[in-house]
Protein backbone atom coordinates (compact mmCIF):
# COMPACT_ATOMS: atom_id res chain seq x y z
CA MET A 1 -2.90 102.66 193.60
CA ASP A 2 -6.42 101.64 191.88
CA ASP A 3 -9.29 104.16 192.39
CA ILE A 4 -12.64 103.03 193.79
CA THR A 5 -15.57 102.62 191.27
CA PRO A 6 -17.45 105.86 191.27
CA PRO A 7 -21.00 106.01 192.33
CA GLY A 8 -23.85 105.45 190.14
CA PRO A 9 -25.91 107.82 188.47
CA GLY A 10 -28.41 109.88 190.67
CA MET A 11 -25.90 109.42 193.95
CA ASP A 12 -25.03 112.74 195.22
CA PRO A 13 -21.70 113.77 196.56
CA PRO A 14 -20.97 114.08 200.35
CA SER A 15 -23.04 116.93 201.91
CA ASN A 16 -19.22 118.11 203.22
CA GLY A 17 -17.96 118.51 199.60
CA PHE A 18 -17.22 121.70 197.70
CA MET A 19 -19.92 124.11 197.59
CA PRO A 20 -19.54 126.92 195.00
CA VAL A 21 -20.01 130.14 195.56
CA PRO A 22 -22.67 131.87 193.16
CA ASP A 23 -21.57 133.89 190.22
CA CYS A 24 -17.98 132.91 190.58
CA TRP A 25 -16.54 131.41 187.41
CA ILE A 26 -13.94 129.32 189.16
CA CYS A 27 -16.05 127.75 191.62
CA ALA A 28 -18.54 126.97 188.49
CA VAL A 29 -15.48 125.00 186.60
CA VAL A 30 -14.45 123.52 189.70
CA GLN A 31 -17.84 122.23 190.68
CA THR A 32 -18.70 120.85 186.89
CA VAL A 33 -15.31 118.66 186.93
CA ALA A 34 -16.05 117.54 190.62
CA GLU A 35 -19.59 116.39 189.44
CA ALA A 36 -18.17 114.60 186.24
CA ALA A 37 -15.54 113.00 188.54
CA TRP A 38 -18.08 111.77 191.20
CA HIS A 39 -20.01 110.15 188.52
CA GLY A 40 -16.85 108.93 186.65
CA GLU A 41 -17.13 110.53 183.33
CA ASP A 42 -14.70 110.70 180.71
CA GLY A 43 -12.21 108.48 182.72
CA LEU A 44 -12.13 110.83 185.99
CA THR A 45 -11.94 108.86 189.06
CA LEU A 46 -12.99 109.52 192.69
CA HIS A 47 -9.06 110.46 193.16
CA THR A 48 -10.03 113.34 190.91
CA TRP A 49 -13.13 114.18 192.74
CA LEU A 50 -11.09 114.27 195.99
CA SER A 51 -8.24 116.34 194.49
CA VAL A 52 -10.57 118.90 192.51
CA THR A 53 -12.91 119.08 195.76
CA ALA A 54 -9.89 119.83 197.74
CA SER A 55 -8.97 122.67 195.45
CA GLY A 56 -12.18 124.06 195.15
CA MET A 57 -12.50 124.42 199.23
CA ARG A 58 -9.12 126.14 199.32
CA HIS A 59 -10.51 128.58 196.61
CA ARG A 60 -13.30 129.27 198.70
CA MET A 61 -10.90 130.05 201.87
CA THR A 62 -8.27 131.89 200.05
CA ASP A 63 -10.16 133.94 197.46
CA HIS A 64 -13.51 134.27 199.04
CA GLY A 65 -12.41 134.40 202.69
CA LEU A 66 -15.46 131.71 203.31
CA PRO A 67 -15.13 128.49 205.32
CA PRO A 68 -13.78 125.58 203.11
CA ALA A 69 -17.57 124.00 202.70
CA GLY A 70 -20.98 125.31 203.07
CA ARG A 71 -23.59 127.36 201.62
CA VAL A 72 -23.34 130.76 201.11
CA ALA A 73 -26.49 133.68 200.96
CA HIS A 74 -24.38 136.59 199.14
CA GLU A 75 -20.87 137.54 198.68
């Protein structure tokens, strides 16, 4: 299945995408890869973005006990 062309520079991911937890190195890595995939960097695709975003949301729920998306003030 062919991937859809990633959005151009300056376009933000959907607001319901993965939101990293501050000071969590796993969240920081997930966010970096998700942003690169969203913009199509290094051959990454929107399929990659979706997969990484889903993994990040699962990490938020299982490791931080938080909802899959949304901002947190403190942990």
